[in-house]
């Protein structure tokens, strides 16, 4: 089975998350996933969360990859895989937000919306990935209450593995 892989380098600015969403939406349409399909909205939300986490928690560039048409970890044909690689080797920390907390829901959303997700080392950093099976039921937010070493000529030191809720 043929697999199509596309990737985008994302700068270390949180404003890059919007650019990543627009880019991903156009690639979804190009792969045959309609812009108005629930699957597209779910994938865009997953991409937004993973790219935001990479940019905010590392302060370094990241690489967004989307893979279409292959079999995912479950062997399901038609799986869409999203990967975000960053320069930090710190494992992702799934937190549980309380009531009015403004942070800490990203990986909870990923866990609830993706069919599978995880992380693995990549180069000096890590890759966080998730998969959504195109043939399976699609959960939506409403229903479910690379080589990354910096840009050209740029050196980015990954932060320590300390995460805070106060991002200024």
C-alpha atoms as a PDB file:
ATOM      1  CA  UNK A   1       0.000   0.000   0.000  1.00  0.00           C
ATOM      2  CA  UNK A   2       1.290   3.441  -0.903  1.00  0.00           C
ATOM      3  CA  UNK A   3       1.819   5.994   1.859  1.00  0.00           C
ATOM      4  CA  UNK A   4       1.932   9.731   1.259  1.00  0.00           C
ATOM      5  CA  UNK A   5       4.022  11.715   3.735  1.00  0.00           C
ATOM      6  CA  UNK A   6       4.078  15.508   3.890  1.00  0.00           C
ATOM      7  CA  UNK A   7       5.891  17.682   6.397  1.00  0.00           C
ATOM      8  CA  UNK A   8       6.127  21.293   7.495  1.00  0.00           C
ATOM      9  CA  UNK A   9       8.817  23.014   9.541  1.00  0.00           C
ATOM     10  CA  UNK A  10       7.215  25.080  12.291  1.00  0.00           C
ATOM     11  CA  UNK A  11       9.026  28.027  13.847  1.00  0.00           C
ATOM     12  CA  UNK A  12       9.316  28.542  17.616  1.00  0.00           C
ATOM     13  CA  UNK A  13       6.607  31.249  17.643  1.00  0.00           C
ATOM     14  CA  UNK A  14       3.115  30.303  18.951  1.00  0.00           C
ATOM     15  CA  UNK A  15       1.689  32.234  15.961  1.00  0.00           C
ATOM     16  CA  UNK A  16       3.062  29.389  13.812  1.00  0.00           C
ATOM     17  CA  UNK A  17       0.317  27.107  15.138  1.00  0.00           C
ATOM     18  CA  UNK A  18      -2.256  28.886  12.949  1.00  0.00           C
ATOM     19  CA  UNK A  19      -0.024  28.486   9.896  1.00  0.00           C
ATOM     20  CA  UNK A  20       0.354  24.776  10.689  1.00  0.00           C
ATOM     21  CA  UNK A  21      -3.445  24.400  10.899  1.00  0.00           C
ATOM     22  CA  UNK A  22      -3.965  26.124   7.531  1.00  0.00           C
ATOM     23  CA  UNK A  23      -1.232  24.021   5.913  1.00  0.00           C
ATOM     24  CA  UNK A  24      -2.651  20.802   7.400  1.00  0.00           C
ATOM     25  CA  UNK A  25      -6.197  21.630   6.285  1.00  0.00           C
ATOM     26  CA  UNK A  26      -5.017  22.073   2.688  1.00  0.00           C
ATOM     27  CA  UNK A  27      -3.136  18.749   2.835  1.00  0.00           C
ATOM     28  CA  UNK A  28      -6.203  16.973   4.218  1.00  0.00           C
ATOM     29  CA  UNK A  29      -8.298  18.245   1.311  1.00  0.00           C
ATOM     30  CA  UNK A  30      -5.562  17.137  -1.096  1.00  0.00           C
ATOM     31  CA  UNK A  31      -5.689  13.635   0.400  1.00  0.00           C
ATOM     32  CA  UNK A  32      -9.437  13.341  -0.146  1.00  0.00           C
ATOM     33  CA  UNK A  33     -10.632  14.271   3.334  1.00  0.00           C
ATOM     34  CA  UNK A  34     -13.310  16.925   2.897  1.00  0.00           C
ATOM     35  CA  UNK A  35     -12.856  20.219   4.699  1.00  0.00           C
ATOM     36  CA  UNK A  36     -16.275  19.855   6.329  1.00  0.00           C
ATOM     37  CA  UNK A  37     -15.895  16.215   7.414  1.00  0.00           C
ATOM     38  CA  UNK A  38     -15.752  15.502  11.161  1.00  0.00           C
ATOM     39  CA  UNK A  39     -12.495  13.620  10.530  1.00  0.00           C
ATOM     40  CA  UNK A  40     -10.881  16.808   9.207  1.00  0.00           C
ATOM     41  CA  UNK A  41     -11.964  18.823  12.245  1.00  0.00           C
ATOM     42  CA  UNK A  42     -10.681  16.122  14.601  1.00  0.00           C
ATOM     43  CA  UNK A  43      -7.312  15.955  12.830  1.00  0.00           C
ATOM     44  CA  UNK A  44      -6.948  19.754  12.823  1.00  0.00           C
ATOM     45  CA  UNK A  45      -7.636  19.858  16.572  1.00  0.00           C
ATOM     46  CA  UNK A  46      -5.074  17.091  17.190  1.00  0.00           C
ATOM     47  CA  UNK A  47      -2.491  18.903  15.058  1.00  0.00           C
ATOM     48  CA  UNK A  48      -3.171  22.183  16.844  1.00  0.00           C
ATOM     49  CA  UNK A  49      -2.663  20.597  20.263  1.00  0.00           C
ATOM     50  CA  UNK A  50       0.531  18.729  19.360  1.00  0.00           C
ATOM     51  CA  UNK A  51       2.141  21.674  17.569  1.00  0.00           C
ATOM     52  CA  UNK A  52       1.163  24.048  20.391  1.00  0.00           C
ATOM     53  CA  UNK A  53       2.733  21.730  22.970  1.00  0.00           C
ATOM     54  CA  UNK A  54       5.959  21.457  20.974  1.00  0.00           C
ATOM     55  CA  UNK A  55       6.305  25.205  20.436  1.00  0.00           C
ATOM     56  CA  UNK A  56       5.224  26.349  23.904  1.00  0.00           C
ATOM     57  CA  UNK A  57       7.064  23.754  25.992  1.00  0.00           C
ATOM     58  CA  UNK A  58      10.347  23.752  24.054  1.00  0.00           C
ATOM     59  CA  UNK A  59      10.607  27.270  22.607  1.00  0.00           C
ATOM     60  CA  UNK A  60      12.303  25.598  19.626  1.00  0.00           C
ATOM     61  CA  UNK A  61      11.265  24.840  16.053  1.00  0.00           C
ATOM     62  CA  UNK A  62       9.353  21.631  15.366  1.00  0.00           C
ATOM     63  CA  UNK A  63       8.458  19.476  12.383  1.00  0.00           C
ATOM     64  CA  UNK A  64       4.857  18.493  11.648  1.00  0.00           C
ATOM     65  CA  UNK A  65       4.392  15.357   9.544  1.00  0.00           C
ATOM     66  CA  UNK A  66       1.202  13.844   8.205  1.00  0.00           C
ATOM     67  CA  UNK A  67       1.099  10.342   6.736  1.00  0.00           C
ATOM     68  CA  UNK A  68      -1.879   9.209   4.659  1.00  0.00           C
ATOM     69  CA  UNK A  69      -2.957   5.839   3.342  1.00  0.00           C
ATOM     70  CA  UNK A  70      -0.907   3.409   5.348  1.00  0.00           C
ATOM     71  CA  UNK A  71      -1.841   0.962   8.002  1.00  0.00           C
ATOM     72  CA  UNK A  72      -1.449   2.339  11.498  1.00  0.00           C
ATOM     73  CA  UNK A  73      -0.199   0.567  14.594  1.00  0.00           C
ATOM     74  CA  UNK A  74      -3.458  -1.383  14.705  1.00  0.00           C
ATOM     75  CA  UNK A  75      -3.010  -2.500  11.092  1.00  0.00           C
ATOM     76  CA  UNK A  76      -6.106  -0.547  10.018  1.00  0.00           C
ATOM     77  CA  UNK A  77      -5.921   0.569   6.390  1.00  0.00           C
ATOM     78  CA  UNK A  78      -6.533   4.224   5.727  1.00  0.00           C
ATOM     79  CA  UNK A  79      -5.011   5.453   8.946  1.00  0.00           C
ATOM     80  CA  UNK A  80      -3.952   9.100   9.137  1.00  0.00           C
ATOM     81  CA  UNK A  81      -0.862   9.526  11.299  1.00  0.00           C
ATOM     82  CA  UNK A  82       0.238  12.884  12.683  1.00  0.00           C
ATOM     83  CA  UNK A  83       3.768  13.292  14.045  1.00  0.00           C
ATOM     84  CA  UNK A  84       5.322  16.332  15.690  1.00  0.00           C
ATOM     85  CA  UNK A  85       9.060  16.199  16.356  1.00  0.00           C
ATOM     86  CA  UNK A  86      10.843  18.701  18.593  1.00  0.00           C
ATOM     87  CA  UNK A  87      14.301  19.219  20.051  1.00  0.00           C
ATOM     88  CA  UNK A  88      13.447  18.339  23.657  1.00  0.00           C
ATOM     89  CA  UNK A  89      14.127  14.840  24.927  1.00  0.00           C
ATOM     90  CA  UNK A  90      11.721  15.357  27.836  1.00  0.00           C
ATOM     91  CA  UNK A  91       8.787  12.936  27.683  1.00  0.00           C
ATOM     92  CA  UNK A  92       5.323  14.451  27.321  1.00  0.00           C
ATOM     93  CA  UNK A  93       3.520  14.923  30.606  1.00  0.00           C
ATOM     94  CA  UNK A  94      -0.208  14.305  30.530  1.00  0.00           C
ATOM     95  CA  UNK A  95      -1.780  16.569  33.125  1.00  0.00           C
ATOM     96  CA  UNK A  96      -5.378  16.687  34.278  1.00  0.00           C
ATOM     97  CA  UNK A  97      -6.771  20.202  34.239  1.00  0.00           C
ATOM     98  CA  UNK A  98      -9.152  21.326  36.918  1.00  0.00           C
ATOM     99  CA  UNK A  99     -12.266  23.465  36.315  1.00  0.00           C
ATOM    100  CA  UNK A 100     -10.998  26.891  35.292  1.00  0.00           C
ATOM    101  CA  UNK A 101      -7.381  25.926  34.521  1.00  0.00           C
ATOM    102  CA  UNK A 102      -6.285  27.477  31.231  1.00  0.00           C
ATOM    103  CA  UNK A 103      -3.575  24.870  30.537  1.00  0.00           C
ATOM    104  CA  UNK A 104      -3.199  21.136  30.864  1.00  0.00           C
ATOM    105  CA  UNK A 105      -5.878  19.818  28.507  1.00  0.00           C
ATOM    106  CA  UNK A 106      -3.858  19.220  25.331  1.00  0.00           C
ATOM    107  CA  UNK A 107      -2.829  15.602  25.819  1.00  0.00           C
ATOM    108  CA  UNK A 108      -6.189  14.797  27.404  1.00  0.00           C
ATOM    109  CA  UNK A 109      -7.791  15.904  24.141  1.00  0.00           C
ATOM    110  CA  UNK A 110      -5.308  13.866  22.132  1.00  0.00           C
ATOM    111  CA  UNK A 111      -6.007  10.828  24.311  1.00  0.00           C
ATOM    112  CA  UNK A 112      -9.752  11.239  23.863  1.00  0.00           C
ATOM    113  CA  UNK A 113      -9.833  11.999  20.141  1.00  0.00           C
ATOM    114  CA  UNK A 114      -7.077   9.836  18.623  1.00  0.00           C
ATOM    115  CA  UNK A 115      -7.422   6.102  18.139  1.00  0.00           C
ATOM    116  CA  UNK A 116      -3.832   5.729  19.344  1.00  0.00           C
ATOM    117  CA  UNK A 117      -1.040   8.052  20.450  1.00  0.00           C
ATOM    118  CA  UNK A 118       2.387   7.880  21.967  1.00  0.00           C
ATOM    119  CA  UNK A 119       5.903   9.207  21.781  1.00  0.00           C
ATOM    120  CA  UNK A 120       9.379   7.982  20.969  1.00  0.00           C
ATOM    121  CA  UNK A 121      12.906   9.386  20.852  1.00  0.00           C
ATOM    122  CA  UNK A 122      13.917  11.007  17.576  1.00  0.00           C
ATOM    123  CA  UNK A 123      17.452  12.255  17.116  1.00  0.00           C
ATOM    124  CA  UNK A 124      18.347  14.401  20.126  1.00  0.00           C
ATOM    125  CA  UNK A 125      14.654  15.108  20.796  1.00  0.00           C
ATOM    126  CA  UNK A 126      11.363  13.284  20.579  1.00  0.00           C
ATOM    127  CA  UNK A 127       8.405  12.630  18.339  1.00  0.00           C
ATOM    128  CA  UNK A 128       4.833  12.656  19.600  1.00  0.00           C
ATOM    129  CA  UNK A 129       2.420  10.898  17.286  1.00  0.00           C
ATOM    130  CA  UNK A 130      -1.242  10.087  17.029  1.00  0.00           C
ATOM    131  CA  UNK A 131      -3.336   8.062  14.621  1.00  0.00           C
ATOM    132  CA  UNK A 132      -6.933   8.265  13.498  1.00  0.00           C
ATOM    133  CA  UNK A 133      -8.490   5.453  11.481  1.00  0.00           C
ATOM    134  CA  UNK A 134     -10.410   6.812   8.503  1.00  0.00           C
ATOM    135  CA  UNK A 135     -12.852   3.911   8.517  1.00  0.00           C
ATOM    136  CA  UNK A 136     -13.688   4.041  12.214  1.00  0.00           C
ATOM    137  CA  UNK A 137     -16.096   6.277  14.098  1.00  0.00           C
ATOM    138  CA  UNK A 138     -14.779   9.806  14.510  1.00  0.00           C
ATOM    139  CA  UNK A 139     -14.972  11.453  17.897  1.00  0.00           C
ATOM    140  CA  UNK A 140     -15.326  15.195  17.857  1.00  0.00           C
ATOM    141  CA  UNK A 141     -14.524  17.762  20.499  1.00  0.00           C
ATOM    142  CA  UNK A 142     -18.227  18.398  21.027  1.00  0.00           C
ATOM    143  CA  UNK A 143     -18.867  14.717  21.706  1.00  0.00           C
ATOM    144  CA  UNK A 144     -15.878  13.983  23.871  1.00  0.00           C
ATOM    145  CA  UNK A 145     -16.300  16.720  26.685  1.00  0.00           C
ATOM    146  CA  UNK A 146      12.468  16.031  11.054  1.00  0.00           C
ATOM    147  CA  UNK A 147      15.166  16.295  11.962  1.00  0.00           C
ATOM    148  CA  UNK A 148      14.781  19.120  14.405  1.00  0.00           C
ATOM    149  CA  UNK A 149      17.939  20.941  15.330  1.00  0.00           C
ATOM    150  CA  UNK A 150      16.669  24.496  14.946  1.00  0.00           C
ATOM    151  CA  UNK A 151      16.354  26.529  11.769  1.00  0.00           C
ATOM    152  CA  UNK A 152      19.080  27.259   9.285  1.00  0.00           C
ATOM    153  CA  UNK A 153      22.016  28.771  11.147  1.00  0.00           C
ATOM    154  CA  UNK A 154      20.026  28.665  14.368  1.00  0.00           C
ATOM    155  CA  UNK A 155      20.883  26.775  17.524  1.00  0.00           C
ATOM    156  CA  UNK A 156      18.115  25.963  19.948  1.00  0.00           C
ATOM    157  CA  UNK A 157      18.830  24.552  23.367  1.00  0.00           C
ATOM    158  CA  UNK A 158      15.979  22.435  24.698  1.00  0.00           C
ATOM    159  CA  UNK A 159      14.611  23.511  28.064  1.00  0.00           C
ATOM    160  CA  UNK A 160      14.795  21.432  31.192  1.00  0.00           C
ATOM    161  CA  UNK A 161      12.021  18.951  31.769  1.00  0.00           C
ATOM    162  CA  UNK A 162      10.194  21.211  34.199  1.00  0.00           C
ATOM    163  CA  UNK A 163       6.719  22.210  33.066  1.00  0.00           C
ATOM    164  CA  UNK A 164       4.812  25.048  34.627  1.00  0.00           C
ATOM    165  CA  UNK A 165       1.280  26.318  34.317  1.00  0.00           C
ATOM    166  CA  UNK A 166       2.472  29.917  34.160  1.00  0.00           C
ATOM    167  CA  UNK A 167       3.482  30.594  30.586  1.00  0.00           C
ATOM    168  CA  UNK A 168       4.202  34.253  30.173  1.00  0.00           C
END
